[in-house]
Amino acid sequence: MEREQVSSTNLASVGYDPATQILEIEFHSGGVYQYAGVPAALYEGLMAASSHGSYFDHFIKKAGYEYRRIR
């Protein structure tokens, strides 16, 4: 999955596959995680947010989407 770099102190890049609703996040720490069942509207909100890290934390991480570490 291709990811787009974002300006964030926590997130390095973000990718999204609308067909599978998989959101892929690369952190500056080097970890890459995939979050399942994330609606396209949340991805769009994440990319438009003034703080990508805060948006991710509030609407994706704390929302309890299933995830797996891929790197």
PDB file of N, CA and C in Angstrom:
ATOM      1  N   MET A   1       0.849  -1.185   0.000  1.00  0.00           N
ATOM      2  CA  MET A   1       0.000   0.000   0.000  1.00  0.00           C
ATOM      3  C   MET A   1       0.889   1.241   0.000  1.00  0.00           C
ATOM      4  N   GLU A   2       0.563   2.180  -0.838  1.00  0.00           N
ATOM      5  CA  GLU A   2       1.314   3.433  -0.866  1.00  0.00           C
ATOM      6  C   GLU A   2       0.833   4.339   0.253  1.00  0.00           C
ATOM      7  N   ARG A   3       1.790   4.970   0.911  1.00  0.00           N
ATOM      8  CA  ARG A   3       1.466   5.908   1.977  1.00  0.00           C
ATOM      9  C   ARG A   3       1.927   7.294   1.589  1.00  0.00           C
ATOM     10  N   GLU A   4       1.214   8.279   2.101  1.00  0.00           N
ATOM     11  CA  GLU A   4       1.556   9.682   1.873  1.00  0.00           C
ATOM     12  C   GLU A   4       2.167  10.247   3.151  1.00  0.00           C
ATOM     13  N   GLN A   5       3.299  10.935   3.029  1.00  0.00           N
ATOM     14  CA  GLN A   5       3.913  11.538   4.200  1.00  0.00           C
ATOM     15  C   GLN A   5       3.018  12.640   4.747  1.00  0.00           C
ATOM     16  N   VAL A   6       2.988  12.737   6.073  1.00  0.00           N
ATOM     17  CA  VAL A   6       2.214  13.777   6.739  1.00  0.00           C
ATOM     18  C   VAL A   6       3.128  14.539   7.685  1.00  0.00           C
ATOM     19  N   SER A   7       2.740  15.771   7.971  1.00  0.00           N
ATOM     20  CA  SER A   7       3.492  16.605   8.893  1.00  0.00           C
ATOM     21  C   SER A   7       2.928  16.388  10.292  1.00  0.00           C
ATOM     22  N   SER A   8       3.627  15.595  11.087  1.00  0.00           N
ATOM     23  CA  SER A   8       3.140  15.235  12.417  1.00  0.00           C
ATOM     24  C   SER A   8       4.333  14.859  13.281  1.00  0.00           C
ATOM     25  N   THR A   9       4.227  15.105  14.575  1.00  0.00           N
ATOM     26  CA  THR A   9       5.303  14.707  15.475  1.00  0.00           C
ATOM     27  C   THR A   9       5.267  13.210  15.761  1.00  0.00           C
ATOM     28  N   ASN A  10       4.131  12.553  15.523  1.00  0.00           N
ATOM     29  CA  ASN A  10       3.974  11.133  15.830  1.00  0.00           C
ATOM     30  C   ASN A  10       3.868  10.262  14.583  1.00  0.00           C
ATOM     31  N   LEU A  11       3.110  10.726  13.591  1.00  0.00           N
ATOM     32  CA  LEU A  11       2.863   9.939  12.385  1.00  0.00           C
ATOM     33  C   LEU A  11       3.821  10.356  11.276  1.00  0.00           C
ATOM     34  N   ALA A  12       4.389   9.371  10.576  1.00  0.00           N
ATOM     35  CA  ALA A  12       5.300   9.667   9.465  1.00  0.00           C
ATOM     36  C   ALA A  12       4.554   9.646   8.133  1.00  0.00           C
ATOM     37  N   SER A  13       3.683   8.634   7.948  1.00  0.00           N
ATOM     38  CA  SER A  13       2.944   8.528   6.691  1.00  0.00           C
ATOM     39  C   SER A  13       1.647   7.767   6.914  1.00  0.00           C
ATOM     40  N   VAL A  14       0.704   7.972   5.987  1.00  0.00           N
ATOM     41  CA  VAL A  14      -0.630   7.385   6.081  1.00  0.00           C
ATOM     42  C   VAL A  14      -1.029   6.849   4.716  1.00  0.00           C
ATOM     43  N   GLY A  15      -1.595   5.640   4.702  1.00  0.00           N
ATOM     44  CA  GLY A  15      -2.128   5.063   3.480  1.00  0.00           C
ATOM     45  C   GLY A  15      -3.524   4.538   3.737  1.00  0.00           C
ATOM     46  N   TYR A  16      -4.294   4.388   2.668  1.00  0.00           N
ATOM     47  CA  TYR A  16      -5.665   3.897   2.831  1.00  0.00           C
ATOM     48  C   TYR A  16      -6.092   3.135   1.590  1.00  0.00           C
ATOM     49  N   ASP A  17      -6.757   2.010   1.799  1.00  0.00           N
ATOM     50  CA  ASP A  17      -7.331   1.222   0.708  1.00  0.00           C
ATOM     51  C   ASP A  17      -8.842   1.225   0.877  1.00  0.00           C
ATOM     52  N   PRO A  18      -9.555   2.006   0.049  1.00  0.00           N
ATOM     53  CA  PRO A  18     -11.011   2.085   0.214  1.00  0.00           C
ATOM     54  C   PRO A  18     -11.733   0.768  -0.063  1.00  0.00           C
ATOM     55  N   ALA A  19     -11.171  -0.093  -0.883  1.00  0.00           N
ATOM     56  CA  ALA A  19     -11.824  -1.372  -1.191  1.00  0.00           C
ATOM     57  C   ALA A  19     -11.887  -2.282   0.034  1.00  0.00           C
ATOM     58  N   THR A  20     -10.848  -2.242   0.863  1.00  0.00           N
ATOM     59  CA  THR A  20     -10.807  -3.101   2.045  1.00  0.00           C
ATOM     60  C   THR A  20     -11.012  -2.336   3.349  1.00  0.00           C
ATOM     61  N   GLN A  21     -11.066  -1.018   3.268  1.00  0.00           N
ATOM     62  CA  GLN A  21     -11.182  -0.141   4.431  1.00  0.00           C
ATOM     63  C   GLN A  21     -10.032  -0.352   5.422  1.00  0.00           C
ATOM     64  N   ILE A  22      -8.836  -0.570   4.867  1.00  0.00           N
ATOM     65  CA  ILE A  22      -7.635  -0.716   5.689  1.00  0.00           C
ATOM     66  C   ILE A  22      -6.893   0.613   5.708  1.00  0.00           C
ATOM     67  N   LEU A  23      -6.643   1.106   6.909  1.00  0.00           N
ATOM     68  CA  LEU A  23      -5.857   2.317   7.113  1.00  0.00           C
ATOM     69  C   LEU A  23      -4.475   1.881   7.585  1.00  0.00           C
ATOM     70  N   GLU A  24      -3.444   2.357   6.919  1.00  0.00           N
ATOM     71  CA  GLU A  24      -2.078   1.992   7.275  1.00  0.00           C
ATOM     72  C   GLU A  24      -1.349   3.225   7.777  1.00  0.00           C
ATOM     73  N   ILE A  25      -0.765   3.104   8.961  1.00  0.00           N
ATOM     74  CA  ILE A  25      -0.070   4.212   9.611  1.00  0.00           C
ATOM     75  C   ILE A  25       1.378   3.815   9.860  1.00  0.00           C
ATOM     76  N   GLU A  26       2.288   4.682   9.439  1.00  0.00           N
ATOM     77  CA  GLU A  26       3.692   4.520   9.790  1.00  0.00           C
ATOM     78  C   GLU A  26       4.027   5.591  10.823  1.00  0.00           C
ATOM     79  N   PHE A  27       4.608   5.159  11.934  1.00  0.00           N
ATOM     80  CA  PHE A  27       4.989   6.070  13.002  1.00  0.00           C
ATOM     81  C   PHE A  27       6.461   6.445  12.869  1.00  0.00           C
ATOM     82  N   HIS A  28       6.819   7.589  13.407  1.00  0.00           N
ATOM     83  CA  HIS A  28       8.216   8.008  13.381  1.00  0.00           C
ATOM     84  C   HIS A  28       9.110   7.012  14.115  1.00  0.00           C
ATOM     85  N   SER A  29       8.547   6.257  15.035  1.00  0.00           N
ATOM     86  CA  SER A  29       9.316   5.246  15.770  1.00  0.00           C
ATOM     87  C   SER A  29       9.704   4.067  14.887  1.00  0.00           C
ATOM     88  N   GLY A  30       9.110   3.981  13.681  1.00  0.00           N
ATOM     89  CA  GLY A  30       9.435   2.916  12.743  1.00  0.00           C
ATOM     90  C   GLY A  30       8.358   1.861  12.586  1.00  0.00           C
ATOM     91  N   GLY A  31       7.434   1.787  13.514  1.00  0.00           N
ATOM     92  CA  GLY A  31       6.363   0.805  13.422  1.00  0.00           C
ATOM     93  C   GLY A  31       5.354   1.161  12.337  1.00  0.00           C
ATOM     94  N   VAL A  32       4.822   0.114  11.690  1.00  0.00           N
ATOM     95  CA  VAL A  32       3.763   0.284  10.698  1.00  0.00           C
ATOM     96  C   VAL A  32       2.597  -0.601  11.125  1.00  0.00           C
ATOM     97  N   TYR A  33       1.420   0.003  11.220  1.00  0.00           N
ATOM     98  CA  TYR A  33       0.230  -0.701  11.678  1.00  0.00           C
ATOM     99  C   TYR A  33      -0.883  -0.560  10.657  1.00  0.00           C
ATOM    100  N   GLN A  34      -1.712  -1.603  10.552  1.00  0.00           N
ATOM    101  CA  GLN A  34      -2.900  -1.558   9.713  1.00  0.00           C
ATOM    102  C   GLN A  34      -4.131  -1.653  10.606  1.00  0.00           C
ATOM    103  N   TYR A  35      -5.068  -0.751  10.374  1.00  0.00           N
ATOM    104  CA  TYR A  35      -6.323  -0.688  11.127  1.00  0.00           C
ATOM    105  C   TYR A  35      -7.454  -1.098  10.200  1.00  0.00           C
ATOM    106  N   ALA A  36      -8.270  -2.054  10.648  1.00  0.00           N
ATOM    107  CA  ALA A  36      -9.312  -2.643   9.806  1.00  0.00           C
ATOM    108  C   ALA A  36     -10.660  -1.963  10.001  1.00  0.00           C
ATOM    109  N   GLY A  37     -11.424  -1.895   8.910  1.00  0.00           N
ATOM    110  CA  GLY A  37     -12.797  -1.412   8.963  1.00  0.00           C
ATOM    111  C   GLY A  37     -12.933   0.084   9.163  1.00  0.00           C
ATOM    112  N   VAL A  38     -11.919   0.845   8.766  1.00  0.00           N
ATOM    113  CA  VAL A  38     -11.946   2.299   8.947  1.00  0.00           C
ATOM    114  C   VAL A  38     -12.690   2.930   7.756  1.00  0.00           C
ATOM    115  N   PRO A  39     -13.792   3.629   8.006  1.00  0.00           N
ATOM    116  CA  PRO A  39     -14.543   4.256   6.903  1.00  0.00           C
ATOM    117  C   PRO A  39     -13.713   5.329   6.188  1.00  0.00           C
ATOM    118  N   ALA A  40     -13.981   5.496   4.908  1.00  0.00           N
ATOM    119  CA  ALA A  40     -13.265   6.484   4.104  1.00  0.00           C
ATOM    120  C   ALA A  40     -13.378   7.881   4.705  1.00  0.00           C
ATOM    121  N   ALA A  41     -14.518   8.203   5.305  1.00  0.00           N
ATOM    122  CA  ALA A  41     -14.717   9.531   5.897  1.00  0.00           C
ATOM    123  C   ALA A  41     -13.703   9.799   7.017  1.00  0.00           C
ATOM    124  N   LEU A  42     -13.347   8.758   7.777  1.00  0.00           N
ATOM    125  CA  LEU A  42     -12.352   8.944   8.844  1.00  0.00           C
ATOM    126  C   LEU A  42     -10.965   9.160   8.250  1.00  0.00           C
ATOM    127  N   TYR A  43     -10.649   8.438   7.189  1.00  0.00           N
ATOM    128  CA  TYR A  43      -9.368   8.658   6.515  1.00  0.00           C
ATOM    129  C   TYR A  43      -9.294  10.090   5.988  1.00  0.00           C
ATOM    130  N   GLU A  44     -10.353  10.525   5.346  1.00  0.00           N
ATOM    131  CA  GLU A  44     -10.376  11.891   4.809  1.00  0.00           C
ATOM    132  C   GLU A  44     -10.252  12.920   5.925  1.00  0.00           C
ATOM    133  N   GLY A  45     -10.921  12.663   7.051  1.00  0.00           N
ATOM    134  CA  GLY A  45     -10.816  13.553   8.204  1.00  0.00           C
ATOM    135  C   GLY A  45      -9.402  13.595   8.757  1.00  0.00           C
ATOM    136  N   LEU A  46      -8.762  12.429   8.800  1.00  0.00           N
ATOM    137  CA  LEU A  46      -7.387  12.354   9.286  1.00  0.00           C
ATOM    138  C   LEU A  46      -6.458  13.177   8.406  1.00  0.00           C
ATOM    139  N   MET A  47      -6.611  13.041   7.099  1.00  0.00           N
ATOM    140  CA  MET A  47      -5.723  13.750   6.179  1.00  0.00           C
ATOM    141  C   MET A  47      -5.977  15.259   6.195  1.00  0.00           C
ATOM    142  N   ALA A  48      -7.195  15.678   6.526  1.00  0.00           N
ATOM    143  CA  ALA A  48      -7.544  17.102   6.543  1.00  0.00           C
ATOM    144  C   ALA A  48      -7.317  17.754   7.903  1.00  0.00           C
ATOM    145  N   ALA A  49      -7.077  16.948   8.929  1.00  0.00           N
ATOM    146  CA  ALA A  49      -6.964  17.475  10.297  1.00  0.00           C
ATOM    147  C   ALA A  49      -5.749  18.385  10.458  1.00  0.00           C
ATOM    148  N   SER A  50      -5.912  19.388  11.295  1.00  0.00           N
ATOM    149  CA  SER A  50      -4.779  20.277  11.587  1.00  0.00           C
ATOM    150  C   SER A  50      -3.724  19.549  12.414  1.00  0.00           C
ATOM    151  N   SER A  51      -4.150  18.570  13.218  1.00  0.00           N
ATOM    152  CA  SER A  51      -3.226  17.726  13.975  1.00  0.00           C
ATOM    153  C   SER A  51      -3.533  16.266  13.640  1.00  0.00           C
ATOM    154  N   HIS A  52      -2.718  15.684  12.766  1.00  0.00           N
ATOM    155  CA  HIS A  52      -2.951  14.294  12.357  1.00  0.00           C
ATOM    156  C   HIS A  52      -2.853  13.344  13.553  1.00  0.00           C
ATOM    157  N   GLY A  53      -1.875  13.588  14.424  1.00  0.00           N
ATOM    158  CA  GLY A  53      -1.691  12.713  15.581  1.00  0.00           C
ATOM    159  C   GLY A  53      -2.858  12.734  16.536  1.00  0.00           C
ATOM    160  N   SER A  54      -3.380  13.918  16.828  1.00  0.00           N
ATOM    161  CA  SER A  54      -4.527  14.028  17.743  1.00  0.00           C
ATOM    162  C   SER A  54      -5.769  13.395  17.140  1.00  0.00           C
ATOM    163  N   TYR A  55      -5.989  13.623  15.854  1.00  0.00           N
ATOM    164  CA  TYR A  55      -7.146  13.036  15.171  1.00  0.00           C
ATOM    165  C   TYR A  55      -7.041  11.515  15.213  1.00  0.00           C
ATOM    166  N   PHE A  56      -5.868  10.994  14.872  1.00  0.00           N
ATOM    167  CA  PHE A  56      -5.658   9.548  14.900  1.00  0.00           C
ATOM    168  C   PHE A  56      -5.935   8.990  16.287  1.00  0.00           C
ATOM    169  N   ASP A  57      -5.377   9.621  17.311  1.00  0.00           N
ATOM    170  CA  ASP A  57      -5.543   9.139  18.677  1.00  0.00           C
ATOM    171  C   ASP A  57      -7.011   9.107  19.087  1.00  0.00           C
ATOM    172  N   HIS A  58      -7.723  10.181  18.803  1.00  0.00           N
ATOM    173  CA  HIS A  58      -9.114  10.303  19.252  1.00  0.00           C
ATOM    174  C   HIS A  58     -10.093   9.449  18.441  1.00  0.00           C
ATOM    175  N   PHE A  59     -10.002   9.514  17.115  1.00  0.00           N
ATOM    176  CA  PHE A  59     -11.034   8.904  16.271  1.00  0.00           C
ATOM    177  C   PHE A  59     -10.703   7.500  15.782  1.00  0.00           C
ATOM    178  N   ILE A  60      -9.461   7.073  15.887  1.00  0.00           N
ATOM    179  CA  ILE A  60      -9.098   5.750  15.382  1.00  0.00           C
ATOM    180  C   ILE A  60      -8.557   4.868  16.506  1.00  0.00           C
ATOM    181  N   LYS A  61      -7.494   5.309  17.149  1.00  0.00           N
ATOM    182  CA  LYS A  61      -6.890   4.496  18.204  1.00  0.00           C
ATOM    183  C   LYS A  61      -7.861   4.263  19.360  1.00  0.00           C
ATOM    184  N   LYS A  62      -8.405   5.336  19.909  1.00  0.00           N
ATOM    185  CA  LYS A  62      -9.313   5.201  21.063  1.00  0.00           C
ATOM    186  C   LYS A  62     -10.696   4.675  20.673  1.00  0.00           C
ATOM    187  N   ALA A  63     -10.998   4.666  19.372  1.00  0.00           N
ATOM    188  CA  ALA A  63     -12.287   4.131  18.916  1.00  0.00           C
ATOM    189  C   ALA A  63     -12.286   2.603  18.896  1.00  0.00           C
ATOM    190  N   GLY A  64     -11.101   2.004  19.009  1.00  0.00           N
ATOM    191  CA  GLY A  64     -11.022   0.555  19.160  1.00  0.00           C
ATOM    192  C   GLY A  64     -11.000  -0.246  17.872  1.00  0.00           C
ATOM    193  N   TYR A  65     -10.589   0.354  16.780  1.00  0.00           N
ATOM    194  CA  TYR A  65     -10.486  -0.423  15.536  1.00  0.00           C
ATOM    195  C   TYR A  65      -9.446  -1.525  15.707  1.00  0.00           C
ATOM    196  N   GLU A  66      -9.746  -2.695  15.138  1.00  0.00           N
ATOM    197  CA  GLU A  66      -8.787  -3.796  15.180  1.00  0.00           C
ATOM    198  C   GLU A  66      -7.554  -3.402  14.392  1.00  0.00           C
ATOM    199  N   TYR A  67      -6.398  -3.809  14.889  1.00  0.00           N
ATOM    200  CA  TYR A  67      -5.162  -3.461  14.198  1.00  0.00           C
ATOM    201  C   TYR A  67      -4.172  -4.605  14.299  1.00  0.00           C
ATOM    202  N   ARG A  68      -3.182  -4.530  13.431  1.00  0.00           N
ATOM    203  CA  ARG A  68      -2.064  -5.475  13.490  1.00  0.00           C
ATOM    204  C   ARG A  68      -0.802  -4.741  13.074  1.00  0.00           C
ATOM    205  N   ARG A  69       0.285  -5.112  13.693  1.00  0.00           N
ATOM    206  CA  ARG A  69       1.585  -4.525  13.342  1.00  0.00           C
ATOM    207  C   ARG A  69       2.156  -5.308  12.173  1.00  0.00           C
ATOM    208  N   ILE A  70       2.563  -4.591  11.131  1.00  0.00           N
ATOM    209  CA  ILE A  70       3.148  -5.277   9.982  1.00  0.00           C
ATOM    210  C   ILE A  70       4.649  -5.014   9.868  1.00  0.00           C
ATOM    211  N   ARG A  71       5.160  -4.062  10.646  1.00  0.00           N
ATOM    212  CA  ARG A  71       6.599  -3.814  10.686  1.00  0.00           C
ATOM    213  C   ARG A  71       6.974  -3.121  11.989  1.00  0.00           C
TER     214      ARG A  71
END
